[in-house]
Amino acid sequence: MKNKYTILLIILCLICGFTYILDVNYKNTNNNFNIEASKIDKSINLTENKTLKEEITQEEITREEITQEETSQNLININTANKETLKSLPGIGDSLAESIIHYRENVSLFNDISDIKNVNRIGDKTYEKIKNLITVN
């Protein structure tokens, strides 16, 4: 009888062990699938992001080319522009537009575009922003 219980115990252990091994393998298979699916998702996202970035970059380049084309044809003459036109320049608001008009009417017309730096509060940074958008002719 003792032998029968021992054999039964061994069979029971084998069955439990076998079930445990199957369960662990099943879980690993699911984990591998999840990991692979995750890798595929990330790969798709990377590809989509790269394509999206390329489209945005191309759009920015096109927009910049159009802006440069428009401004080369439509330079603002700082000797004749009104306040509203001057305000359309980057970094130029009401106050600076008035200062530019005041300078050209009371001090001197601008002989060169760099002369605009003689106006109070227009320094190198503002000049760099507007130098390709203005003219004196």
Protein backbone atom coordinates (compact mmCIF):
# COMPACT_ATOMS: atom_id res chain seq x y z
CA MET A 1 0.00 0.00 0.00
CA LYS A 2 2.87 2.30 0.76
CA ASN A 3 4.19 1.68 -2.73
CA LYS A 4 0.85 2.61 -4.31
CA TYR A 5 0.78 5.97 -2.49
CA THR A 6 4.34 6.68 -3.52
CA ILE A 7 3.56 5.91 -7.13
CA LEU A 8 0.39 8.01 -6.94
CA LEU A 9 2.34 10.87 -5.39
CA ILE A 10 4.96 10.66 -8.13
CA ILE A 11 2.28 10.62 -10.84
CA LEU A 12 0.53 13.56 -9.21
CA CYS A 13 3.80 15.52 -9.06
CA LEU A 14 4.50 14.73 -12.70
CA ILE A 15 1.04 15.89 -13.73
CA CYS A 16 1.33 19.11 -11.70
CA GLY A 17 4.83 19.75 -12.99
CA PHE A 18 3.78 19.12 -16.57
CA THR A 19 0.81 21.48 -16.17
CA TYR A 20 3.11 24.12 -14.67
CA ILE A 21 5.56 23.81 -17.57
CA LEU A 22 2.73 24.14 -20.10
CA ASP A 23 1.38 27.18 -18.30
CA VAL A 24 4.79 28.88 -18.20
CA ASN A 25 5.36 28.18 -21.91
CA TYR A 26 1.92 29.56 -22.74
CA LYS A 27 2.62 32.77 -20.78
CA ASN A 28 6.01 33.18 -22.47
CA THR A 29 4.43 32.74 -25.88
CA ASN A 30 1.91 35.49 -25.06
CA ASN A 31 4.66 37.78 -23.78
CA ASN A 32 6.71 37.25 -26.92
CA PHE A 33 3.67 38.06 -29.02
CA ASN A 34 3.08 41.26 -27.03
CA ILE A 35 6.71 42.24 -27.35
CA GLU A 36 6.68 41.63 -31.11
CA ALA A 37 3.43 43.56 -31.47
CA SER A 38 4.94 46.41 -29.47
CA LYS A 39 7.99 46.45 -31.73
CA ILE A 40 5.78 46.56 -34.82
CA ASP A 41 3.71 49.45 -33.37
CA LYS A 42 6.87 51.41 -32.56
CA SER A 43 8.26 50.72 -36.02
CA ILE A 44 5.05 51.94 -37.64
CA ASN A 45 5.05 55.07 -35.46
CA LEU A 46 8.67 55.81 -36.31
CA THR A 47 7.98 55.44 -40.02
CA GLU A 48 4.88 57.64 -39.81
CA ASN A 49 6.73 60.27 -37.74
CA LYS A 50 9.64 60.34 -40.19
CA THR A 51 7.27 60.78 -43.13
CA LEU A 52 5.31 63.44 -41.25
CA LYS A 53 8.53 65.31 -40.36
CA GLU A 54 9.63 65.19 -43.99
CA GLU A 55 6.26 66.61 -45.09
CA ILE A 56 6.41 69.39 -42.50
CA THR A 57 9.99 70.26 -43.46
CA GLN A 58 9.07 70.39 -47.15
CA GLU A 59 6.04 72.56 -46.34
CA GLU A 60 8.20 74.95 -44.28
CA ILE A 61 10.75 75.21 -47.09
CA THR A 62 7.99 75.93 -49.61
CA ARG A 63 6.41 78.51 -47.31
CA GLU A 64 9.81 80.16 -46.75
CA GLU A 65 10.48 80.27 -50.52
CA ILE A 66 7.09 81.91 -51.12
CA THR A 67 7.72 84.45 -48.35
CA GLN A 68 11.16 85.32 -49.74
CA GLU A 69 9.71 85.65 -53.24
CA GLU A 70 6.91 87.91 -52.05
CA THR A 71 9.20 90.11 -50.00
CA SER A 72 11.76 90.51 -52.77
CA GLN A 73 8.96 91.83 -54.97
CA ASN A 74 7.24 93.84 -52.23
CA LEU A 75 10.02 95.49 -50.26
CA ILE A 76 8.84 98.22 -47.95
CA ASN A 77 10.33 101.62 -48.64
CA ILE A 78 11.15 103.00 -45.21
CA ASN A 79 11.32 106.55 -46.64
CA THR A 80 7.69 106.49 -47.80
CA ALA A 81 5.86 103.77 -45.84
CA ASN A 82 2.97 104.73 -43.59
CA LYS A 83 2.59 103.58 -39.99
CA GLU A 84 0.47 100.51 -40.80
CA THR A 85 2.90 99.30 -43.45
CA LEU A 86 5.86 99.71 -41.10
CA LYS A 87 3.97 97.76 -38.42
CA SER A 88 3.82 94.79 -40.78
CA LEU A 89 7.57 94.34 -40.34
CA PRO A 90 8.68 91.84 -37.67
CA GLY A 91 9.52 93.50 -34.37
CA ILE A 92 7.99 96.86 -35.38
CA GLY A 93 4.97 97.98 -33.40
CA ASP A 94 3.12 101.29 -33.03
CA SER A 95 5.87 102.99 -31.11
CA LEU A 96 8.73 102.00 -33.41
CA ALA A 97 6.72 102.79 -36.54
CA GLU A 98 6.09 106.29 -35.17
CA SER A 99 9.79 106.64 -34.31
CA ILE A 100 10.81 105.71 -37.87
CA ILE A 101 8.36 108.23 -39.34
CA HIS A 102 9.52 110.89 -36.86
CA TYR A 103 13.18 110.25 -37.73
CA ARG A 104 12.72 110.53 -41.50
CA GLU A 105 10.53 113.66 -41.20
CA ASN A 106 12.57 115.52 -38.58
CA VAL A 107 16.13 114.24 -38.89
CA SER A 108 16.86 112.81 -42.32
CA LEU A 109 15.65 110.45 -45.00
CA PHE A 110 17.31 107.06 -44.96
CA ASN A 111 20.13 106.84 -47.54
CA ASP A 112 20.82 103.17 -46.83
CA ILE A 113 18.73 100.50 -45.13
CA SER A 114 21.32 100.24 -42.34
CA ASP A 115 20.54 103.89 -41.45
CA ILE A 116 17.38 102.59 -39.77
CA LYS A 117 19.63 101.58 -36.85
CA ASN A 118 19.95 105.31 -36.10
CA VAL A 119 16.33 105.27 -34.92
CA ASN A 120 16.07 104.85 -31.14
CA ARG A 121 15.38 101.24 -30.01
CA ILE A 122 16.26 99.70 -33.38
CA GLY A 123 19.41 97.73 -32.88
CA ASP A 124 21.22 94.93 -34.62
CA LYS A 125 18.65 92.27 -33.69
CA THR A 126 15.69 94.18 -35.12
CA TYR A 127 17.74 95.20 -38.14
CA GLU A 128 18.63 91.56 -38.86
CA LYS A 129 14.92 90.67 -38.81
CA ILE A 130 13.89 93.39 -41.26
CA LYS A 131 16.91 94.05 -43.49
CA ASN A 132 15.67 91.73 -46.26
CA LEU A 133 12.20 93.28 -46.16
CA ILE A 134 13.03 96.98 -46.52
CA THR A 135 14.45 99.32 -49.14
CA VAL A 136 15.19 103.04 -49.46
CA ASN A 137 14.44 103.29 -53.21
